Amino acid sequence: NGAVVWKITPGGAADEGDLKKGLRIVRVRINGQWQNINTALQWRKIEESATPATRLLIQLRDGNETSVYRVIVIPAPTPAATIPAVARPLAS
């Protein structure tokens, strides 16, 4: 069970929290309460519902079932105006 870390965006919350690919997120501490993470969808909902600057303590496990604890900070959303557009030539 858990949500496997498979992609880490440079400068993102997982990168800043020193998460590594292949670790499984198995629990998260929210508002002083531990919540088990059973699926990637469950983790995604927690990430999306957390307000910017929220600090989440997460318990991860590696392939040997060794637990590692990390704190991640939910980033503020990036305004669309600051995201560079990617363009391609129009077909002629």
PDB file of N, CA and C in Angstrom:
ATOM      1  N   ASN A   1       0.836  -1.191   0.000  1.00  0.00           N
ATOM      2  CA  ASN A   1       0.000   0.000   0.000  1.00  0.00           C
ATOM      3  C   ASN A   1       0.872   1.242   0.000  1.00  0.00           C
ATOM      4  N   GLY A   2       0.255   2.371  -0.254  1.00  0.00           N
ATOM      5  CA  GLY A   2       0.973   3.633  -0.311  1.00  0.00           C
ATOM      6  C   GLY A   2       0.990   4.200  -1.717  1.00  0.00           C
ATOM      7  N   ALA A   3       1.566   5.367  -1.847  1.00  0.00           N
ATOM      8  CA  ALA A   3       1.703   6.044  -3.138  1.00  0.00           C
ATOM      9  C   ALA A   3       3.187   6.124  -3.468  1.00  0.00           C
ATOM     10  N   VAL A   4       3.573   5.564  -4.586  1.00  0.00           N
ATOM     11  CA  VAL A   4       4.984   5.523  -4.973  1.00  0.00           C
ATOM     12  C   VAL A   4       5.395   6.860  -5.577  1.00  0.00           C
ATOM     13  N   VAL A   5       6.512   7.388  -5.119  1.00  0.00           N
ATOM     14  CA  VAL A   5       7.087   8.612  -5.681  1.00  0.00           C
ATOM     15  C   VAL A   5       7.758   8.201  -6.991  1.00  0.00           C
ATOM     16  N   TRP A   6       7.238   8.706  -8.115  1.00  0.00           N
ATOM     17  CA  TRP A   6       7.798   8.305  -9.408  1.00  0.00           C
ATOM     18  C   TRP A   6       8.308   9.480 -10.222  1.00  0.00           C
ATOM     19  N   LYS A   7       7.914  10.687  -9.851  1.00  0.00           N
ATOM     20  CA  LYS A   7       8.384  11.865 -10.581  1.00  0.00           C
ATOM     21  C   LYS A   7       8.650  12.983  -9.582  1.00  0.00           C
ATOM     22  N   ILE A   8       9.799  13.619  -9.716  1.00  0.00           N
ATOM     23  CA  ILE A   8      10.157  14.722  -8.831  1.00  0.00           C
ATOM     24  C   ILE A   8      10.476  15.936  -9.699  1.00  0.00           C
ATOM     25  N   THR A   9       9.677  16.974  -9.531  1.00  0.00           N
ATOM     26  CA  THR A   9       9.870  18.205 -10.284  1.00  0.00           C
ATOM     27  C   THR A   9      10.956  19.035  -9.619  1.00  0.00           C
ATOM     28  N   PRO A  10      12.003  19.423 -10.358  1.00  0.00           N
ATOM     29  CA  PRO A  10      13.047  20.256  -9.767  1.00  0.00           C
ATOM     30  C   PRO A  10      12.456  21.523  -9.143  1.00  0.00           C
ATOM     31  N   GLY A  11      12.811  21.772  -7.892  1.00  0.00           N
ATOM     32  CA  GLY A  11      12.321  22.943  -7.179  1.00  0.00           C
ATOM     33  C   GLY A  11      10.936  22.761  -6.571  1.00  0.00           C
ATOM     34  N   GLY A  12      10.296  21.628  -6.827  1.00  0.00           N
ATOM     35  CA  GLY A  12       8.963  21.368  -6.291  1.00  0.00           C
ATOM     36  C   GLY A  12       9.021  20.883  -4.845  1.00  0.00           C
ATOM     37  N   ALA A  13       7.857  20.622  -4.281  1.00  0.00           N
ATOM     38  CA  ALA A  13       7.765  20.217  -2.878  1.00  0.00           C
ATOM     39  C   ALA A  13       8.525  18.922  -2.604  1.00  0.00           C
ATOM     40  N   ALA A  14       8.422  17.945  -3.492  1.00  0.00           N
ATOM     41  CA  ALA A  14       9.120  16.671  -3.301  1.00  0.00           C
ATOM     42  C   ALA A  14      10.637  16.866  -3.373  1.00  0.00           C
ATOM     43  N   ASP A  15      11.089  17.695  -4.291  1.00  0.00           N
ATOM     44  CA  ASP A  15      12.511  17.989  -4.432  1.00  0.00           C
ATOM     45  C   ASP A  15      13.027  18.712  -3.186  1.00  0.00           C
ATOM     46  N   GLU A  16      12.302  19.739  -2.762  1.00  0.00           N
ATOM     47  CA  GLU A  16      12.703  20.505  -1.582  1.00  0.00           C
ATOM     48  C   GLU A  16      12.675  19.642  -0.317  1.00  0.00           C
ATOM     49  N   GLY A  17      11.765  18.652  -0.282  1.00  0.00           N
ATOM     50  CA  GLY A  17      11.661  17.760   0.870  1.00  0.00           C
ATOM     51  C   GLY A  17      12.609  16.575   0.805  1.00  0.00           C
ATOM     52  N   ASP A  18      13.454  16.525  -0.232  1.00  0.00           N
ATOM     53  CA  ASP A  18      14.459  15.482  -0.417  1.00  0.00           C
ATOM     54  C   ASP A  18      13.848  14.090  -0.576  1.00  0.00           C
ATOM     55  N   LEU A  19      12.690  14.017  -1.253  1.00  0.00           N
ATOM     56  CA  LEU A  19      12.107  12.717  -1.558  1.00  0.00           C
ATOM     57  C   LEU A  19      12.879  12.080  -2.698  1.00  0.00           C
ATOM     58  N   LYS A  20      12.852  10.777  -2.755  1.00  0.00           N
ATOM     59  CA  LYS A  20      13.564  10.027  -3.790  1.00  0.00           C
ATOM     60  C   LYS A  20      12.584   9.144  -4.549  1.00  0.00           C
ATOM     61  N   LYS A  21      12.838   8.968  -5.838  1.00  0.00           N
ATOM     62  CA  LYS A  21      12.001   8.086  -6.645  1.00  0.00           C
ATOM     63  C   LYS A  21      12.016   6.681  -6.047  1.00  0.00           C
ATOM     64  N   GLY A  22      10.850   6.047  -6.081  1.00  0.00           N
ATOM     65  CA  GLY A  22      10.737   4.674  -5.599  1.00  0.00           C
ATOM     66  C   GLY A  22      10.281   4.553  -4.157  1.00  0.00           C
ATOM     67  N   LEU A  23      10.413   5.632  -3.379  1.00  0.00           N
ATOM     68  CA  LEU A  23       9.896   5.579  -2.008  1.00  0.00           C
ATOM     69  C   LEU A  23       8.374   5.550  -2.052  1.00  0.00           C
ATOM     70  N   ARG A  24       7.761   4.925  -1.047  1.00  0.00           N
ATOM     71  CA  ARG A  24       6.302   4.887  -0.948  1.00  0.00           C
ATOM     72  C   ARG A  24       5.845   5.790   0.184  1.00  0.00           C
ATOM     73  N   ILE A  25       4.895   6.668  -0.097  1.00  0.00           N
ATOM     74  CA  ILE A  25       4.277   7.502   0.937  1.00  0.00           C
ATOM     75  C   ILE A  25       3.216   6.633   1.597  1.00  0.00           C
ATOM     76  N   VAL A  26       3.382   6.351   2.897  1.00  0.00           N
ATOM     77  CA  VAL A  26       2.446   5.455   3.577  1.00  0.00           C
ATOM     78  C   VAL A  26       1.571   6.155   4.613  1.00  0.00           C
ATOM     79  N   ARG A  27       2.047   7.291   5.142  1.00  0.00           N
ATOM     80  CA  ARG A  27       1.244   8.060   6.107  1.00  0.00           C
ATOM     81  C   ARG A  27       1.592   9.531   5.985  1.00  0.00           C
ATOM     82  N   VAL A  28       0.626  10.371   6.371  1.00  0.00           N
ATOM     83  CA  VAL A  28       0.843  11.812   6.396  1.00  0.00           C
ATOM     84  C   VAL A  28       0.198  12.354   7.661  1.00  0.00           C
ATOM     85  N   ARG A  29       0.854  13.322   8.271  1.00  0.00           N
ATOM     86  CA  ARG A  29       0.309  13.956   9.476  1.00  0.00           C
ATOM     87  C   ARG A  29      -0.328  15.278   9.077  1.00  0.00           C
ATOM     88  N   ILE A  30      -1.644  15.363   9.273  1.00  0.00           N
ATOM     89  CA  ILE A  30      -2.418  16.548   8.911  1.00  0.00           C
ATOM     90  C   ILE A  30      -3.180  17.005  10.143  1.00  0.00           C
ATOM     91  N   ASN A  31      -3.020  18.271  10.491  1.00  0.00           N
ATOM     92  CA  ASN A  31      -3.722  18.828  11.654  1.00  0.00           C
ATOM     93  C   ASN A  31      -3.535  17.983  12.907  1.00  0.00           C
ATOM     94  N   GLY A  32      -2.324  17.499  13.112  1.00  0.00           N
ATOM     95  CA  GLY A  32      -2.006  16.737  14.314  1.00  0.00           C
ATOM     96  C   GLY A  32      -2.457  15.286  14.297  1.00  0.00           C
ATOM     97  N   GLN A  33      -3.020  14.823  13.191  1.00  0.00           N
ATOM     98  CA  GLN A  33      -3.525  13.446  13.096  1.00  0.00           C
ATOM     99  C   GLN A  33      -2.817  12.707  11.951  1.00  0.00           C
ATOM    100  N   TRP A  34      -2.422  11.474  12.213  1.00  0.00           N
ATOM    101  CA  TRP A  34      -1.840  10.645  11.163  1.00  0.00           C
ATOM    102  C   TRP A  34      -2.946  10.062  10.310  1.00  0.00           C
ATOM    103  N   GLN A  35      -2.741  10.051   9.000  1.00  0.00           N
ATOM    104  CA  GLN A  35      -3.686   9.446   8.069  1.00  0.00           C
ATOM    105  C   GLN A  35      -2.923   8.479   7.174  1.00  0.00           C
ATOM    106  N   ASN A  36      -3.388   7.238   7.100  1.00  0.00           N
ATOM    107  CA  ASN A  36      -2.754   6.257   6.221  1.00  0.00           C
ATOM    108  C   ASN A  36      -3.006   6.615   4.769  1.00  0.00           C
ATOM    109  N   ILE A  37      -2.005   6.354   3.932  1.00  0.00           N
ATOM    110  CA  ILE A  37      -2.133   6.569   2.487  1.00  0.00           C
ATOM    111  C   ILE A  37      -2.127   5.190   1.844  1.00  0.00           C
ATOM    112  N   ASN A  38      -3.232   4.858   1.199  1.00  0.00           N
ATOM    113  CA  ASN A  38      -3.359   3.535   0.583  1.00  0.00           C
ATOM    114  C   ASN A  38      -3.221   3.559  -0.933  1.00  0.00           C
ATOM    115  N   THR A  39      -3.477   4.714  -1.544  1.00  0.00           N
ATOM    116  CA  THR A  39      -3.413   4.806  -3.007  1.00  0.00           C
ATOM    117  C   THR A  39      -2.813   6.141  -3.434  1.00  0.00           C
ATOM    118  N   ALA A  40      -2.364   6.181  -4.671  1.00  0.00           N
ATOM    119  CA  ALA A  40      -1.834   7.432  -5.225  1.00  0.00           C
ATOM    120  C   ALA A  40      -2.939   8.483  -5.320  1.00  0.00           C
ATOM    121  N   LEU A  41      -4.164   8.057  -5.635  1.00  0.00           N
ATOM    122  CA  LEU A  41      -5.285   8.991  -5.723  1.00  0.00           C
ATOM    123  C   LEU A  41      -5.551   9.648  -4.370  1.00  0.00           C
ATOM    124  N   GLN A  42      -5.469   8.879  -3.318  1.00  0.00           N
ATOM    125  CA  GLN A  42      -5.672   9.426  -1.972  1.00  0.00           C
ATOM    126  C   GLN A  42      -4.613  10.490  -1.668  1.00  0.00           C
ATOM    127  N   TRP A  43      -3.366  10.226  -2.015  1.00  0.00           N
ATOM    128  CA  TRP A  43      -2.294  11.199  -1.794  1.00  0.00           C
ATOM    129  C   TRP A  43      -2.524  12.459  -2.619  1.00  0.00           C
ATOM    130  N   ARG A  44      -2.920  12.286  -3.896  1.00  0.00           N
ATOM    131  CA  ARG A  44      -3.152  13.419  -4.781  1.00  0.00           C
ATOM    132  C   ARG A  44      -4.238  14.338  -4.207  1.00  0.00           C
ATOM    133  N   LYS A  45      -5.298  13.753  -3.664  1.00  0.00           N
ATOM    134  CA  LYS A  45      -6.381  14.552  -3.080  1.00  0.00           C
ATOM    135  C   LYS A  45      -5.886  15.356  -1.882  1.00  0.00           C
ATOM    136  N   ILE A  46      -5.025  14.763  -1.083  1.00  0.00           N
ATOM    137  CA  ILE A  46      -4.461  15.474   0.070  1.00  0.00           C
ATOM    138  C   ILE A  46      -3.596  16.635  -0.408  1.00  0.00           C
ATOM    139  N   GLU A  47      -2.751  16.381  -1.389  1.00  0.00           N
ATOM    140  CA  GLU A  47      -1.906  17.443  -1.950  1.00  0.00           C
ATOM    141  C   GLU A  47      -2.739  18.595  -2.496  1.00  0.00           C
ATOM    142  N   GLU A  48      -3.779  18.253  -3.248  1.00  0.00           N
ATOM    143  CA  GLU A  48      -4.597  19.278  -3.891  1.00  0.00           C
ATOM    144  C   GLU A  48      -5.454  20.060  -2.905  1.00  0.00           C
ATOM    145  N   SER A  49      -5.824  19.443  -1.790  1.00  0.00           N
ATOM    146  CA  SER A  49      -6.688  20.133  -0.829  1.00  0.00           C
ATOM    147  C   SER A  49      -5.907  20.959   0.197  1.00  0.00           C
ATOM    148  N   ALA A  50      -4.603  20.737   0.282  1.00  0.00           N
ATOM    149  CA  ALA A  50      -3.787  21.490   1.243  1.00  0.00           C
ATOM    150  C   ALA A  50      -3.580  22.921   0.747  1.00  0.00           C
ATOM    151  N   THR A  51      -3.635  23.858   1.668  1.00  0.00           N
ATOM    152  CA  THR A  51      -3.422  25.258   1.302  1.00  0.00           C
ATOM    153  C   THR A  51      -1.924  25.531   1.147  1.00  0.00           C
ATOM    154  N   PRO A  52      -1.564  26.514   0.318  1.00  0.00           N
ATOM    155  CA  PRO A  52      -0.154  26.860   0.147  1.00  0.00           C
ATOM    156  C   PRO A  52       0.518  27.147   1.487  1.00  0.00           C
ATOM    157  N   ALA A  53       1.762  26.752   1.597  1.00  0.00           N
ATOM    158  CA  ALA A  53       2.619  26.920   2.779  1.00  0.00           C
ATOM    159  C   ALA A  53       2.292  25.928   3.884  1.00  0.00           C
ATOM    160  N   THR A  54       1.336  25.004   3.651  1.00  0.00           N
ATOM    161  CA  THR A  54       1.065  23.954   4.628  1.00  0.00           C
ATOM    162  C   THR A  54       2.261  23.017   4.678  1.00  0.00           C
ATOM    163  N   ARG A  55       2.674  22.695   5.891  1.00  0.00           N
ATOM    164  CA  ARG A  55       3.777  21.755   6.082  1.00  0.00           C
ATOM    165  C   ARG A  55       3.183  20.384   6.409  1.00  0.00           C
ATOM    166  N   LEU A  56       3.556  19.378   5.624  1.00  0.00           N
ATOM    167  CA  LEU A  56       3.072  18.024   5.831  1.00  0.00           C
ATOM    168  C   LEU A  56       4.230  17.130   6.247  1.00  0.00           C
ATOM    169  N   LEU A  57       4.060  16.426   7.344  1.00  0.00           N
ATOM    170  CA  LEU A  57       5.034  15.414   7.753  1.00  0.00           C
ATOM    171  C   LEU A  57       4.587  14.108   7.131  1.00  0.00           C
ATOM    172  N   ILE A  58       5.458  13.512   6.329  1.00  0.00           N
ATOM    173  CA  ILE A  58       5.088  12.272   5.669  1.00  0.00           C
ATOM    174  C   ILE A  58       6.026  11.150   6.082  1.00  0.00           C
ATOM    175  N   GLN A  59       5.460   9.962   6.174  1.00  0.00           N
ATOM    176  CA  GLN A  59       6.238   8.758   6.435  1.00  0.00           C
ATOM    177  C   GLN A  59       6.358   8.014   5.119  1.00  0.00           C
ATOM    178  N   LEU A  60       7.594   7.703   4.753  1.00  0.00           N
ATOM    179  CA  LEU A  60       7.862   6.976   3.520  1.00  0.00           C
ATOM    180  C   LEU A  60       8.544   5.654   3.874  1.00  0.00           C
ATOM    181  N   ARG A  61       8.429   4.688   2.973  1.00  0.00           N
ATOM    182  CA  ARG A  61       9.139   3.422   3.147  1.00  0.00           C
ATOM    183  C   ARG A  61       9.888   3.100   1.868  1.00  0.00           C
ATOM    184  N   ASP A  62      11.069   2.518   2.059  1.00  0.00           N
ATOM    185  CA  ASP A  62      11.858   2.097   0.900  1.00  0.00           C
ATOM    186  C   ASP A  62      11.577   0.617   0.614  1.00  0.00           C
ATOM    187  N   GLY A  63      12.303   0.046  -0.305  1.00  0.00           N
ATOM    188  CA  GLY A  63      12.114  -1.356  -0.688  1.00  0.00           C
ATOM    189  C   GLY A  63      12.372  -2.347   0.429  1.00  0.00           C
ATOM    190  N   ASN A  64      13.138  -1.940   1.431  1.00  0.00           N
ATOM    191  CA  ASN A  64      13.431  -2.810   2.574  1.00  0.00           C
ATOM    192  C   ASN A  64      12.473  -2.582   3.732  1.00  0.00           C
ATOM    193  N   GLU A  65      11.424  -1.770   3.477  1.00  0.00           N
ATOM    194  CA  GLU A  65      10.424  -1.423   4.493  1.00  0.00           C
ATOM    195  C   GLU A  65      10.997  -0.561   5.623  1.00  0.00           C
ATOM    196  N   THR A  66      12.119   0.110   5.366  1.00  0.00           N
ATOM    197  CA  THR A  66      12.687   1.046   6.331  1.00  0.00           C
ATOM    198  C   THR A  66      11.929   2.360   6.217  1.00  0.00           C
ATOM    199  N   SER A  67      11.472   2.884   7.349  1.00  0.00           N
ATOM    200  CA  SER A  67      10.728   4.140   7.346  1.00  0.00           C
ATOM    201  C   SER A  67      11.660   5.337   7.351  1.00  0.00           C
ATOM    202  N   VAL A  68      11.265   6.348   6.596  1.00  0.00           N
ATOM    203  CA  VAL A  68      11.957   7.626   6.512  1.00  0.00           C
ATOM    204  C   VAL A  68      10.876   8.696   6.683  1.00  0.00           C
ATOM    205  N   TYR A  69      11.185   9.745   7.412  1.00  0.00           N
ATOM    206  CA  TYR A  69      10.222  10.831   7.614  1.00  0.00           C
ATOM    207  C   TYR A  69      10.767  12.096   6.975  1.00  0.00           C
ATOM    208  N   ARG A  70       9.894  12.812   6.274  1.00  0.00           N
ATOM    209  CA  ARG A  70      10.269  14.067   5.627  1.00  0.00           C
ATOM    210  C   ARG A  70       9.139  15.079   5.809  1.00  0.00           C
ATOM    211  N   VAL A  71       9.500  16.345   5.792  1.00  0.00           N
ATOM    212  CA  VAL A  71       8.520  17.419   5.803  1.00  0.00           C
ATOM    213  C   VAL A  71       8.528  18.035   4.417  1.00  0.00           C
ATOM    214  N   ILE A  72       7.335  18.181   3.843  1.00  0.00           N
ATOM    215  CA  ILE A  72       7.225  18.905   2.580  1.00  0.00           C
ATOM    216  C   ILE A  72       6.317  20.107   2.807  1.00  0.00           C
ATOM    217  N   VAL A  73       6.555  21.143   2.045  1.00  0.00           N
ATOM    218  CA  VAL A  73       5.760  22.368   2.129  1.00  0.00           C
ATOM    219  C   VAL A  73       5.004  22.507   0.817  1.00  0.00           C
ATOM    220  N   ILE A  74       3.677  22.631   0.926  1.00  0.00           N
ATOM    221  CA  ILE A  74       2.854  22.769  -0.265  1.00  0.00           C
ATOM    222  C   ILE A  74       3.131  24.135  -0.885  1.00  0.00           C
ATOM    223  N   PRO A  75       3.533  24.167  -2.164  1.00  0.00           N
ATOM    224  CA  PRO A  75       3.857  25.450  -2.796  1.00  0.00           C
ATOM    225  C   PRO A  75       2.604  26.229  -3.185  1.00  0.00           C
ATOM    226  N   ALA A  76       2.782  27.521  -3.365  1.00  0.00           N
ATOM    227  CA  ALA A  76       1.701  28.369  -3.872  1.00  0.00           C
ATOM    228  C   ALA A  76       1.498  28.034  -5.346  1.00  0.00           C
ATOM    229  N   PRO A  77       0.264  28.123  -5.822  1.00  0.00           N
ATOM    230  CA  PRO A  77       0.040  27.864  -7.249  1.00  0.00           C
ATOM    231  C   PRO A  77       0.788  28.876  -8.109  1.00  0.00           C
ATOM    232  N   THR A  78       1.228  28.427  -9.248  1.00  0.00           N
ATOM    233  CA  THR A  78       1.926  29.305 -10.177  1.00  0.00           C
ATOM    234  C   THR A  78       0.900  29.999 -11.056  1.00  0.00           C
ATOM    235  N   PRO A  79       0.884  31.339 -11.062  1.00  0.00           N
ATOM    236  CA  PRO A  79      -0.066  32.042 -11.931  1.00  0.00           C
ATOM    237  C   PRO A  79       0.198  31.703 -13.393  1.00  0.00           C
ATOM    238  N   ALA A  80      -0.858  31.526 -14.149  1.00  0.00           N
ATOM    239  CA  ALA A  80      -0.723  31.155 -15.563  1.00  0.00           C
ATOM    240  C   ALA A  80       0.102  32.164 -16.337  1.00  0.00           C
ATOM    241  N   ALA A  81       0.032  33.430 -15.946  1.00  0.00           N
ATOM    242  CA  ALA A  81       0.771  34.472 -16.672  1.00  0.00           C
ATOM    243  C   ALA A  81       2.279  34.299 -16.554  1.00  0.00           C
ATOM    244  N   THR A  82       2.761  33.583 -15.522  1.00  0.00           N
ATOM    245  CA  THR A  82       4.206  33.433 -15.357  1.00  0.00           C
ATOM    246  C   THR A  82       4.738  32.155 -15.985  1.00  0.00           C
ATOM    247  N   ILE A  83       3.850  31.312 -16.502  1.00  0.00           N
ATOM    248  CA  ILE A  83       4.293  30.076 -17.136  1.00  0.00           C
ATOM    249  C   ILE A  83       4.620  30.385 -18.596  1.00  0.00           C
ATOM    250  N   PRO A  84       5.857  30.131 -19.017  1.00  0.00           N
ATOM    251  CA  PRO A  84       6.206  30.457 -20.395  1.00  0.00           C
ATOM    252  C   PRO A  84       5.421  29.583 -21.381  1.00  0.00           C
ATOM    253  N   ALA A  85       4.980  30.187 -22.449  1.00  0.00           N
ATOM    254  CA  ALA A  85       4.235  29.458 -23.461  1.00  0.00           C
ATOM    255  C   ALA A  85       5.208  28.695 -24.344  1.00  0.00           C
ATOM    256  N   VAL A  86       4.787  27.547 -24.793  1.00  0.00           N
ATOM    257  CA  VAL A  86       5.576  26.755 -25.745  1.00  0.00           C
ATOM    258  C   VAL A  86       4.835  26.848 -27.073  1.00  0.00           C
ATOM    259  N   ALA A  87       5.532  27.290 -28.088  1.00  0.00           N
ATOM    260  CA  ALA A  87       4.900  27.488 -29.393  1.00  0.00           C
ATOM    261  C   ALA A  87       5.561  26.612 -30.432  1.00  0.00           C
ATOM    262  N   ARG A  88       4.814  26.342 -31.455  1.00  0.00           N
ATOM    263  CA  ARG A  88       5.382  25.622 -32.598  1.00  0.00           C
ATOM    264  C   ARG A  88       4.931  26.348 -33.861  1.00  0.00           C
ATOM    265  N   PRO A  89       5.662  26.218 -34.937  1.00  0.00           N
ATOM    266  CA  PRO A  89       5.276  26.900 -36.174  1.00  0.00           C
ATOM    267  C   PRO A  89       3.921  26.401 -36.674  1.00  0.00           C
ATOM    268  N   LEU A  90       3.162  27.301 -37.256  1.00  0.00           N
ATOM    269  CA  LEU A  90       1.898  26.934 -37.873  1.00  0.00           C
ATOM    270  C   LEU A  90       2.153  26.191 -39.158  1.00  0.00           C
ATOM    271  N   ALA A  91       1.301  25.238 -39.443  1.00  0.00           N
ATOM    272  CA  ALA A  91       1.426  24.512 -40.713  1.00  0.00           C
ATOM    273  C   ALA A  91       1.054  25.459 -41.847  1.00  0.00           C
ATOM    274  N   SER A  92       1.794  25.400 -42.924  1.00  0.00           N
ATOM    275  CA  SER A  92       1.475  26.304 -44.030  1.00  0.00           C
ATOM    276  C   SER A  92       0.738  25.600 -45.132  1.00  0.00           C
TER     277      SER A  92
END
